[in-house]
C-alpha atoms as a PDB file:
ATOM      1  CA  MET A   1     106.235  -9.077 -12.769  1.00  0.00           C
ATOM      2  CA  LYS A   2     106.269  -5.423 -13.641  1.00  0.00           C
ATOM      3  CA  PHE A   3     104.635  -2.874 -16.037  1.00  0.00           C
ATOM      4  CA  ASN A   4     106.842  -1.926 -19.007  1.00  0.00           C
ATOM      5  CA  LYS A   5     106.149   1.729 -17.940  1.00  0.00           C
ATOM      6  CA  ILE A   6     103.800   3.641 -15.580  1.00  0.00           C
ATOM      7  CA  VAL A   7     102.574   7.102 -16.461  1.00  0.00           C
ATOM      8  CA  CYS A   8     100.893   9.553 -13.975  1.00  0.00           C
ATOM      9  CA  LEU A   9      98.956  11.330 -16.767  1.00  0.00           C
ATOM     10  CA  ASP A  10      98.123  14.489 -14.919  1.00  0.00           C
ATOM     11  CA  HIS A  11      98.334  15.905 -11.417  1.00  0.00           C
ATOM     12  CA  THR A  12      97.197  12.866  -9.563  1.00  0.00           C
ATOM     13  CA  LYS A  13      98.427  14.279  -6.198  1.00  0.00           C
ATOM     14  CA  LEU A  14     100.117  11.042  -5.214  1.00  0.00           C
ATOM     15  CA  GLN A  15     102.626  11.567  -2.375  1.00  0.00           C
ATOM     16  CA  GLU A  16     106.279  11.236  -2.926  1.00  0.00           C
ATOM     17  CA  TRP A  17     106.498   8.010  -1.004  1.00  0.00           C
ATOM     18  CA  ALA A  18     103.814   6.482  -3.199  1.00  0.00           C
ATOM     19  CA  LEU A  19     105.596   7.481  -6.339  1.00  0.00           C
ATOM     20  CA  GLU A  20     108.759   5.806  -4.932  1.00  0.00           C
ATOM     21  CA  GLU A  21     106.727   2.539  -4.507  1.00  0.00           C
ATOM     22  CA  LEU A  22     105.275   2.981  -7.867  1.00  0.00           C
ATOM     23  CA  GLN A  23     108.736   2.972  -9.478  1.00  0.00           C
ATOM     24  CA  GLN A  24     109.266  -0.639  -7.985  1.00  0.00           C
ATOM     25  CA  LEU A  25     106.241  -1.741 -10.314  1.00  0.00           C
ATOM     26  CA  SER A  26     107.787  -0.204 -13.488  1.00  0.00           C
ATOM     27  CA  GLU A  27     110.558  -1.474 -15.786  1.00  0.00           C
ATOM     28  CA  GLN A  28     111.267   2.044 -17.027  1.00  0.00           C
ATOM     29  CA  GLU A  29     111.310   5.214 -15.116  1.00  0.00           C
ATOM     30  CA  ILE A  30     107.777   6.352 -14.215  1.00  0.00           C
ATOM     31  CA  GLU A  31     106.591   9.562 -15.963  1.00  0.00           C
ATOM     32  CA  VAL A  32     104.914  11.989 -13.567  1.00  0.00           C
ATOM     33  CA  TYR A  33     103.016  15.113 -14.825  1.00  0.00           C
ATOM     34  CA  ASN A  34     101.936  17.694 -12.454  1.00  0.00           C
ATOM     35  CA  ASP A  35      99.526  19.658 -14.799  1.00  0.00           C
ATOM     36  CA  TYR A  36      96.539  18.731 -16.878  1.00  0.00           C
ATOM     37  CA  PRO A  37      96.778  17.853 -20.636  1.00  0.00           C
ATOM     38  CA  GLU A  38      94.625  20.260 -22.753  1.00  0.00           C
ATOM     39  CA  THR A  39      93.986  18.154 -25.875  1.00  0.00           C
ATOM     40  CA  ALA A  40      93.461  14.484 -26.799  1.00  0.00           C
ATOM     41  CA  GLU A  41      96.664  14.559 -28.836  1.00  0.00           C
ATOM     42  CA  GLU A  42      98.613  15.561 -25.727  1.00  0.00           C
ATOM     43  CA  ILE A  43      97.012  12.817 -23.644  1.00  0.00           C
ATOM     44  CA  ILE A  44      97.947  10.162 -26.264  1.00  0.00           C
ATOM     45  CA  SER A  45     101.510  11.570 -26.422  1.00  0.00           C
ATOM     46  CA  ARG A  46     101.900  11.423 -22.676  1.00  0.00           C
ATOM     47  CA  ILE A  47     100.668   7.724 -22.538  1.00  0.00           C
ATOM     48  CA  GLY A  48     102.881   6.558 -25.426  1.00  0.00           C
ATOM     49  CA  ASP A  49     103.564   2.753 -24.980  1.00  0.00           C
ATOM     50  CA  ALA A  50     102.882   2.733 -21.289  1.00  0.00           C
ATOM     51  CA  GLU A  51     100.948  -0.229 -19.946  1.00  0.00           C
ATOM     52  CA  ALA A  52      99.765   1.459 -16.832  1.00  0.00           C
ATOM     53  CA  VAL A  53      98.069   4.911 -16.624  1.00  0.00           C
ATOM     54  CA  LEU A  54      97.073   6.856 -13.457  1.00  0.00           C
ATOM     55  CA  ILE A  55      94.686   9.627 -13.855  1.00  0.00           C
ATOM     56  CA  SER A  56      92.881  12.159 -11.774  1.00  0.00           C
ATOM     57  CA  TRP A  57      89.125  13.011 -12.213  1.00  0.00           C
ATOM     58  CA  GLN A  58      90.055  16.177 -14.127  1.00  0.00           C
ATOM     59  CA  THR A  59      91.203  14.586 -17.365  1.00  0.00           C
ATOM     60  CA  GLU A  60      88.940  12.648 -19.658  1.00  0.00           C
ATOM     61  CA  LEU A  61      90.053   9.241 -21.093  1.00  0.00           C
ATOM     62  CA  SER A  62      87.663   8.640 -23.941  1.00  0.00           C
ATOM     63  CA  GLU A  63      86.937   5.686 -26.088  1.00  0.00           C
ATOM     64  CA  GLU A  64      88.891   7.375 -29.040  1.00  0.00           C
ATOM     65  CA  ILE A  65      91.855   8.009 -26.804  1.00  0.00           C
ATOM     66  CA  ILE A  66      91.977   4.509 -25.577  1.00  0.00           C
ATOM     67  CA  LYS A  67      91.671   3.183 -29.137  1.00  0.00           C
ATOM     68  CA  GLN A  68      94.826   4.965 -29.987  1.00  0.00           C
ATOM     69  CA  CYS A  69      96.831   3.609 -27.032  1.00  0.00           C
ATOM     70  CA  PRO A  70      96.900  -0.169 -27.596  1.00  0.00           C
ATOM     71  CA  SER A  71      99.564  -0.804 -25.005  1.00  0.00           C
ATOM     72  CA  ILE A  72      97.305   0.104 -22.051  1.00  0.00           C
ATOM     73  CA  LYS A  73      96.571  -2.865 -19.663  1.00  0.00           C
ATOM     74  CA  TYR A  74      95.739  -0.948 -16.556  1.00  0.00           C
ATOM     75  CA  ILE A  75      93.993   2.360 -15.847  1.00  0.00           C
ATOM     76  CA  GLY A  76      94.272   3.493 -12.171  1.00  0.00           C
ATOM     77  CA  MET A  77      91.670   6.369 -11.393  1.00  0.00           C
ATOM     78  CA  CYS A  78      93.078   8.442  -8.535  1.00  0.00           C
ATOM     79  CA  CYS A  79      89.484   9.479  -7.827  1.00  0.00           C
ATOM     80  CA  SER A  80      86.112   7.981  -6.984  1.00  0.00           C
ATOM     81  CA  LEU A  81      84.566   5.469  -9.330  1.00  0.00           C
ATOM     82  CA  TYR A  82      80.907   5.167  -8.531  1.00  0.00           C
ATOM     83  CA  ASP A  83      79.640   3.967 -11.853  1.00  0.00           C
ATOM     84  CA  ASP A  84      80.473   4.133 -15.485  1.00  0.00           C
ATOM     85  CA  ALA A  85      78.127   7.046 -16.240  1.00  0.00           C
ATOM     86  CA  SER A  86      79.776   9.381 -13.897  1.00  0.00           C
ATOM     87  CA  ALA A  87      83.272   8.409 -14.687  1.00  0.00           C
ATOM     88  CA  ASN A  88      85.804  10.486 -16.607  1.00  0.00           C
ATOM     89  CA  VAL A  89      87.148   7.304 -18.127  1.00  0.00           C
ATOM     90  CA  ALA A  90      85.328   5.178 -20.759  1.00  0.00           C
ATOM     91  CA  VAL A  91      85.256   2.356 -18.287  1.00  0.00           C
ATOM     92  CA  THR A  92      82.932  -0.020 -20.023  1.00  0.00           C
ATOM     93  CA  PHE A  93      84.757   0.294 -23.323  1.00  0.00           C
ATOM     94  CA  ALA A  94      88.145  -0.159 -21.693  1.00  0.00           C
ATOM     95  CA  ARG A  95      87.014  -3.269 -19.847  1.00  0.00           C
ATOM     96  CA  GLU A  96      85.683  -4.718 -23.098  1.00  0.00           C
ATOM     97  CA  GLN A  97      89.286  -4.280 -24.504  1.00  0.00           C
ATOM     98  CA  GLY A  98      90.641  -6.413 -21.654  1.00  0.00           C
ATOM     99  CA  ILE A  99      91.918  -3.335 -19.808  1.00  0.00           C
ATOM    100  CA  THR A 100      91.641  -3.395 -15.984  1.00  0.00           C
ATOM    101  CA  VAL A 101      90.070  -0.144 -14.508  1.00  0.00           C
ATOM    102  CA  LYS A 102      90.115   0.520 -10.918  1.00  0.00           C
ATOM    103  CA  GLY A 103      89.009   3.581  -9.006  1.00  0.00           C
ATOM    104  CA  ILE A 104      89.038   4.475  -5.259  1.00  0.00           C
ATOM    105  CA  ARG A 105      86.269   5.419  -2.726  1.00  0.00           C
ATOM    106  CA  ASP A 106      85.925   7.157   0.649  1.00  0.00           C
ATOM    107  CA  TYR A 107      89.179   9.106   0.887  1.00  0.00           C
ATOM    108  CA  GLY A 108      88.069  12.804   1.218  1.00  0.00           C
ATOM    109  CA  ASP A 109      84.801  12.522   3.152  1.00  0.00           C
ATOM    110  CA  PRO A 110      85.933  13.665   6.587  1.00  0.00           C
ATOM    111  CA  GLY A 111      86.947  17.102   5.187  1.00  0.00           C
ATOM    112  CA  VAL A 112      83.692  17.441   3.319  1.00  0.00           C
ATOM    113  CA  ILE A 113      81.666  16.873   6.599  1.00  0.00           C
ATOM    114  CA  GLU A 114      83.818  19.418   8.465  1.00  0.00           C
ATOM    115  CA  PHE A 115      83.087  21.960   5.660  1.00  0.00           C
ATOM    116  CA  VAL A 116      79.335  21.256   5.595  1.00  0.00           C
ATOM    117  CA  ILE A 117      79.014  21.382   9.503  1.00  0.00           C
ATOM    118  CA  SER A 118      81.140  24.483   9.892  1.00  0.00           C
ATOM    119  CA  GLU A 119      79.301  26.411   7.134  1.00  0.00           C
ATOM    120  CA  ILE A 120      75.876  25.490   8.452  1.00  0.00           C
ATOM    121  CA  ILE A 121      76.874  26.674  11.999  1.00  0.00           C
ATOM    122  CA  ARG A 122      78.310  29.988  10.610  1.00  0.00           C
ATOM    123  CA  LEU A 123      75.174  30.714   8.669  1.00  0.00           C
ATOM    124  CA  LEU A 124      72.792  29.794  11.476  1.00  0.00           C
ATOM    125  CA  HIS A 125      74.633  31.791  14.097  1.00  0.00           C
ATOM    126  CA  GLY A 126      75.873  34.615  11.819  1.00  0.00           C
ATOM    127  CA  PHE A 127      79.560  33.936  12.812  1.00  0.00           C
ATOM    128  CA  GLY A 128      80.538  35.019   9.284  1.00  0.00           C
ATOM    129  CA  GLU A 129      79.348  37.680   6.834  1.00  0.00           C
ATOM    130  CA  HIS A 130      75.694  36.179   6.658  1.00  0.00           C
ATOM    131  CA  GLN A 131      73.095  35.097   9.044  1.00  0.00           C
ATOM    132  CA  TRP A 132      70.122  32.957   7.924  1.00  0.00           C
ATOM    133  CA  LYS A 133      67.418  34.356  10.119  1.00  0.00           C
ATOM    134  CA  GLU A 134      66.923  37.520  12.357  1.00  0.00           C
ATOM    135  CA  MET A 135      67.958  35.527  15.534  1.00  0.00           C
ATOM    136  CA  PRO A 136      70.880  33.182  15.785  1.00  0.00           C
ATOM    137  CA  LEU A 137      69.819  29.460  15.569  1.00  0.00           C
ATOM    138  CA  GLU A 138      71.276  26.164  16.775  1.00  0.00           C
ATOM    139  CA  LEU A 139      71.362  22.879  14.940  1.00  0.00           C
ATOM    140  CA  THR A 140      69.057  21.595  17.569  1.00  0.00           C
ATOM    141  CA  GLY A 141      65.694  20.788  16.079  1.00  0.00           C
ATOM    142  CA  ARG A 142      66.753  21.996  12.539  1.00  0.00           C
ATOM    143  CA  LYS A 143      65.079  19.981   9.765  1.00  0.00           C
ATOM    144  CA  ILE A 144      67.890  18.755   7.605  1.00  0.00           C
ATOM    145  CA  GLY A 145      67.524  16.697   4.456  1.00  0.00           C
ATOM    146  CA  ILE A 146      70.354  14.646   2.887  1.00  0.00           C
ATOM    147  CA  ILE A 147      70.235  13.498  -0.663  1.00  0.00           C
ATOM    148  CA  GLY A 148      72.452  10.537  -1.235  1.00  0.00           C
ATOM    149  CA  LEU A 149      73.152   8.346   1.928  1.00  0.00           C
ATOM    150  CA  GLY A 150      76.468   6.814   0.752  1.00  0.00           C
ATOM    151  CA  THR A 151      79.582   7.181   2.867  1.00  0.00           C
ATOM    152  CA  THR A 152      79.551  10.950   2.875  1.00  0.00           C
ATOM    153  CA  GLY A 153      75.744  11.243   3.640  1.00  0.00           C
ATOM    154  CA  LYS A 154      76.083   8.684   6.401  1.00  0.00           C
ATOM    155  CA  MET A 155      78.996  10.604   8.013  1.00  0.00           C
ATOM    156  CA  LEU A 156      77.079  13.804   7.894  1.00  0.00           C
ATOM    157  CA  ALA A 157      74.196  12.098   9.670  1.00  0.00           C
ATOM    158  CA  ASP A 158      76.381  10.630  12.288  1.00  0.00           C
ATOM    159  CA  CYS A 159      77.720  14.087  13.040  1.00  0.00           C
ATOM    160  CA  LEU A 160      74.435  15.915  13.159  1.00  0.00           C
ATOM    161  CA  LEU A 161      72.523  13.325  15.261  1.00  0.00           C
ATOM    162  CA  PRO A 162      74.251  14.330  18.591  1.00  0.00           C
ATOM    163  CA  PHE A 163      73.146  17.911  18.004  1.00  0.00           C
ATOM    164  CA  GLY A 164      69.496  16.940  18.035  1.00  0.00           C
ATOM    165  CA  ALA A 165      68.842  17.831  14.356  1.00  0.00           C
ATOM    166  CA  ASP A 166      65.785  16.328  12.830  1.00  0.00           C
ATOM    167  CA  LEU A 167      67.147  14.298   9.981  1.00  0.00           C
ATOM    168  CA  TYR A 168      65.564  13.028   6.694  1.00  0.00           C
ATOM    169  CA  TYR A 169      67.202  11.191   3.744  1.00  0.00           C
ATOM    170  CA  PHE A 170      66.460  10.299   0.070  1.00  0.00           C
ATOM    171  CA  SER A 171      68.644   7.714  -1.675  1.00  0.00           C
ATOM    172  CA  ARG A 172      68.466   5.129  -4.421  1.00  0.00           C
ATOM    173  CA  SER A 173      68.236   2.373  -1.712  1.00  0.00           C
ATOM    174  CA  ARG A 174      66.833   2.382   1.742  1.00  0.00           C
ATOM    175  CA  LYS A 175      69.365   2.401   4.693  1.00  0.00           C
ATOM    176  CA  LYS A 176      67.590   0.450   7.452  1.00  0.00           C
ATOM    177  CA  ASP A 177      70.573   0.797   9.876  1.00  0.00           C
ATOM    178  CA  TYR A 178      70.383   4.547   9.666  1.00  0.00           C
ATOM    179  CA  GLU A 179      66.638   4.676   9.993  1.00  0.00           C
ATOM    180  CA  ALA A 180      67.106   2.663  13.167  1.00  0.00           C
ATOM    181  CA  LYS A 181      69.238   5.651  14.368  1.00  0.00           C
ATOM    182  CA  GLY A 182      66.488   8.074  13.692  1.00  0.00           C
ATOM    183  CA  VAL A 183      67.238   9.291  10.124  1.00  0.00           C
ATOM    184  CA  LYS A 184      63.943   9.110   8.472  1.00  0.00           C
ATOM    185  CA  TYR A 185      63.492   8.050   4.905  1.00  0.00           C
ATOM    186  CA  LEU A 186      61.207  10.316   2.700  1.00  0.00           C
ATOM    187  CA  PRO A 187      60.393  10.342  -0.983  1.00  0.00           C
ATOM    188  CA  LEU A 188      62.090  13.284  -2.701  1.00  0.00           C
ATOM    189  CA  LYS A 189      59.040  15.483  -2.887  1.00  0.00           C
ATOM    190  CA  GLU A 190      58.328  15.041   0.911  1.00  0.00           C
ATOM    191  CA  LEU A 191      61.953  15.503   1.759  1.00  0.00           C
ATOM    192  CA  LEU A 192      62.058  18.794  -0.063  1.00  0.00           C
ATOM    193  CA  GLN A 193      58.898  19.965   1.627  1.00  0.00           C
ATOM    194  CA  GLN A 194      60.063  19.024   5.092  1.00  0.00           C
ATOM    195  CA  SER A 195      63.681  20.271   4.944  1.00  0.00           C
ATOM    196  CA  GLU A 196      64.916  23.652   5.895  1.00  0.00           C
ATOM    197  CA  ILE A 197      68.484  22.652   5.025  1.00  0.00           C
ATOM    198  CA  LEU A 198      69.419  20.438   2.107  1.00  0.00           C
ATOM    199  CA  SER A 199      72.819  18.818   1.593  1.00  0.00           C
ATOM    200  CA  VAL A 200      73.382  17.039  -1.653  1.00  0.00           C
ATOM    201  CA  HIS A 201      75.933  14.231  -1.950  1.00  0.00           C
ATOM    202  CA  LEU A 202      75.751  12.566  -5.521  1.00  0.00           C
ATOM    203  CA  PRO A 203      78.143  11.262  -8.152  1.00  0.00           C
ATOM    204  CA  LYS A 204      79.243  13.535 -11.024  1.00  0.00           C
ATOM    205  CA  ASN A 205      76.821  14.155 -13.766  1.00  0.00           C
ATOM    206  CA  THR A 206      73.767  13.350 -11.609  1.00  0.00           C
ATOM    207  CA  LYS A 207      71.076  15.932 -11.793  1.00  0.00           C
ATOM    208  CA  ILE A 208      68.162  15.474  -9.316  1.00  0.00           C
ATOM    209  CA  LEU A 209      66.822  19.011  -8.929  1.00  0.00           C
ATOM    210  CA  SER A 210      64.782  20.888 -11.684  1.00  0.00           C
ATOM    211  CA  LYS A 211      62.277  23.612 -11.551  1.00  0.00           C
ATOM    212  CA  GLN A 212      59.568  21.427 -10.196  1.00  0.00           C
ATOM    213  CA  GLU A 213      61.734  20.279  -7.197  1.00  0.00           C
ATOM    214  CA  PHE A 214      62.817  23.910  -6.420  1.00  0.00           C
ATOM    215  CA  ASP A 215      59.237  24.942  -6.468  1.00  0.00           C
ATOM    216  CA  VAL A 216      58.462  22.174  -3.889  1.00  0.00           C
ATOM    217  CA  PHE A 217      61.592  23.100  -1.835  1.00  0.00           C
ATOM    218  CA  GLY A 218      60.505  26.654  -1.607  1.00  0.00           C
ATOM    219  CA  SER A 219      62.283  29.920  -0.570  1.00  0.00           C
ATOM    220  CA  GLY A 220      63.882  30.865   2.597  1.00  0.00           C
ATOM    221  CA  LYS A 221      65.978  27.685   2.798  1.00  0.00           C
ATOM    222  CA  ILE A 222      69.534  26.603   2.613  1.00  0.00           C
ATOM    223  CA  LEU A 223      71.043  24.363  -0.089  1.00  0.00           C
ATOM    224  CA  ILE A 224      74.537  22.818   0.204  1.00  0.00           C
ATOM    225  CA  ASN A 225      76.439  21.271  -2.686  1.00  0.00           C
ATOM    226  CA  THR A 226      79.657  19.526  -2.303  1.00  0.00           C
ATOM    227  CA  SER A 227      79.064  17.122  -5.272  1.00  0.00           C
ATOM    228  CA  LEU A 228      81.549  17.111  -8.140  1.00  0.00           C
ATOM    229  CA  GLY A 229      79.405  19.332 -10.492  1.00  0.00           C
ATOM    230  CA  LEU A 230      75.885  20.569 -10.294  1.00  0.00           C
ATOM    231  CA  PRO A 231      73.167  18.281  -9.219  1.00  0.00           C
ATOM    232  CA  PHE A 232      70.553  20.668 -10.501  1.00  0.00           C
ATOM    233  CA  GLU A 233      69.455  22.545 -13.578  1.00  0.00           C
ATOM    234  CA  GLU A 234      71.206  25.874 -13.384  1.00  0.00           C
ATOM    235  CA  SER A 235      68.316  27.876 -14.831  1.00  0.00           C
ATOM    236  CA  ALA A 236      66.040  26.483 -12.146  1.00  0.00           C
ATOM    237  CA  PHE A 237      68.576  27.250  -9.374  1.00  0.00           C
ATOM    238  CA  GLU A 238      69.084  30.768 -10.608  1.00  0.00           C
ATOM    239  CA  LYS A 239      65.286  31.485 -10.356  1.00  0.00           C
ATOM    240  CA  TRP A 240      65.333  30.058  -6.785  1.00  0.00           C
ATOM    241  CA  ILE A 241      68.369  31.740  -5.509  1.00  0.00           C
ATOM    242  CA  LYS A 242      67.097  35.199  -6.617  1.00  0.00           C
ATOM    243  CA  ASP A 243      64.963  35.167  -3.492  1.00  0.00           C
ATOM    244  CA  PRO A 244      67.361  36.826  -0.924  1.00  0.00           C
ATOM    245  CA  SER A 245      65.816  34.719   1.904  1.00  0.00           C
ATOM    246  CA  SER A 246      67.486  31.596   0.336  1.00  0.00           C
ATOM    247  CA  PHE A 247      71.131  30.665   0.736  1.00  0.00           C
ATOM    248  CA  ALA A 248      73.351  28.300  -1.198  1.00  0.00           C
ATOM    249  CA  ILE A 249      76.729  26.961  -0.042  1.00  0.00           C
ATOM    250  CA  PHE A 250      79.308  25.497  -2.343  1.00  0.00           C
ATOM    251  CA  ASP A 251      82.797  24.129  -1.820  1.00  0.00           C
ATOM    252  CA  GLY A 252      85.456  24.449  -4.649  1.00  0.00           C
ATOM    253  CA  ASP A 253      84.363  21.364  -6.398  1.00  0.00           C
ATOM    254  CA  GLY A 254      80.584  21.914  -5.992  1.00  0.00           C
ATOM    255  CA  LYS A 255      80.855  25.479  -7.607  1.00  0.00           C
ATOM    256  CA  LYS A 256      83.223  24.653 -10.605  1.00  0.00           C
ATOM    257  CA  GLU A 257      80.378  24.588 -13.268  1.00  0.00           C
ATOM    258  CA  LEU A 258      78.238  27.307 -11.611  1.00  0.00           C
ATOM    259  CA  ASN A 259      77.883  30.479 -13.732  1.00  0.00           C
ATOM    260  CA  GLU A 260      80.138  33.331 -12.540  1.00  0.00           C
ATOM    261  CA  LYS A 261      77.297  35.782 -12.187  1.00  0.00           C
ATOM    262  CA  LEU A 262      75.595  33.484  -9.762  1.00  0.00           C
ATOM    263  CA  LEU A 263      78.725  33.196  -7.559  1.00  0.00           C
ATOM    264  CA  LYS A 264      78.615  36.935  -7.161  1.00  0.00           C
ATOM    265  CA  LEU A 265      75.271  36.966  -5.477  1.00  0.00           C
ATOM    266  CA  THR A 266      75.435  37.969  -1.774  1.00  0.00           C
ATOM    267  CA  ASN A 267      73.389  34.863  -0.761  1.00  0.00           C
ATOM    268  CA  VAL A 268      75.726  32.389  -2.597  1.00  0.00           C
ATOM    269  CA  ILE A 269      78.478  31.352  -0.168  1.00  0.00           C
ATOM    270  CA  SER A 270      81.454  29.638  -1.935  1.00  0.00           C
ATOM    271  CA  ALA A 271      84.802  28.404  -0.992  1.00  0.00           C
ATOM    272  CA  GLU A 272      87.902  28.458  -3.303  1.00  0.00           C
ATOM    273  CA  LYS A 273      89.082  25.056  -1.996  1.00  0.00           C
ATOM    274  CA  SER A 274      87.796  21.625  -2.296  1.00  0.00           C
ATOM    275  CA  ALA A 275      86.273  20.614   0.956  1.00  0.00           C
ATOM    276  CA  GLY A 276      87.536  17.094   0.618  1.00  0.00           C
ATOM    277  CA  TRP A 277      91.182  17.976   0.298  1.00  0.00           C
ATOM    278  CA  SER A 278      93.739  17.710   3.031  1.00  0.00           C
ATOM    279  CA  ALA A 279      96.987  16.157   4.039  1.00  0.00           C
ATOM    280  CA  GLU A 280      94.982  13.178   5.279  1.00  0.00           C
ATOM    281  CA  THR A 281      93.022  12.917   2.069  1.00  0.00           C
ATOM    282  CA  GLU A 282      96.174  12.850   0.078  1.00  0.00           C
ATOM    283  CA  LYS A 283      97.595  10.009   2.266  1.00  0.00           C
ATOM    284  CA  ARG A 284      94.422   7.946   1.939  1.00  0.00           C
ATOM    285  CA  LEU A 285      94.356   8.590  -1.835  1.00  0.00           C
ATOM    286  CA  SER A 286      97.933   7.438  -2.257  1.00  0.00           C
ATOM    287  CA  GLU A 287      97.444   4.276  -0.143  1.00  0.00           C
ATOM    288  CA  LYS A 288      94.305   3.246  -2.076  1.00  0.00           C
ATOM    289  CA  VAL A 289      95.620   3.978  -5.416  1.00  0.00           C
ATOM    290  CA  LEU A 290      98.833   1.887  -4.706  1.00  0.00           C
ATOM    291  CA  GLN A 291      96.743  -0.975  -3.255  1.00  0.00           C
ATOM    292  CA  ASN A 292      94.743  -1.195  -6.422  1.00  0.00           C
ATOM    293  CA  ILE A 293      97.740  -1.186  -8.835  1.00  0.00           C
ATOM    294  CA  LYS A 294      99.605  -3.756  -6.626  1.00  0.00           C
ATOM    295  CA  LYS A 295      96.575  -6.177  -6.858  1.00  0.00           C
END
């Protein structure tokens, strides 16, 4: 049994071998777009009468769009699906219409961890343009807080433990296995007070830091964001980062929604690239998307 037609609605980054396998699941020739539609009308036109739609995290598939595409039976998200609230697809509505919606997880985490570790080390030692303190510092004994101990947070903890860093975490649920490794759970306020360096790993559209939290965190510290979007109130961050003793580090995804004037500050370190993207990431993404649609 095959779908009548499969459409890759935008630049899903599926590898060529995966597209060839995808064709085996479609009666008609698959349609593959390598850009991002700019309007709802363009999205609807691309979908047409296709039964299966594959989509990246950068295009929104709203209730209204889904209503106007009655042929859809399957939506394959070529991106993480943590929960309905953070998704770029109207997941709950789609499922109520009998449409199967599947996302993927844990495909770009190693690159994110390599970015976080490398940027911390560069800043501590002054290997790059900036140096955090007057004397170079090691990871040994650094008080590092992790907000969000999911797959990425756990990998970061695993990489930091051998360096002798003093690790704390705050998460929606307790992770007893990591507490047994020596990663200490703290309520958010205490985590912010204790941590010199804070790395945030949360789903898109999750805001956890406001003025009150930044006041507790204090100046002269390091904030790292590799989440999709900003996990903080921008006005509160702007006030905090104006202290030149504080530093913020963003990868390409983490900085996307940040005001351009803030990106130009000397104590804001940002990368153009997404930390979670590599040849290995693309391969894992392709494998997981295919596995979902085959099921």
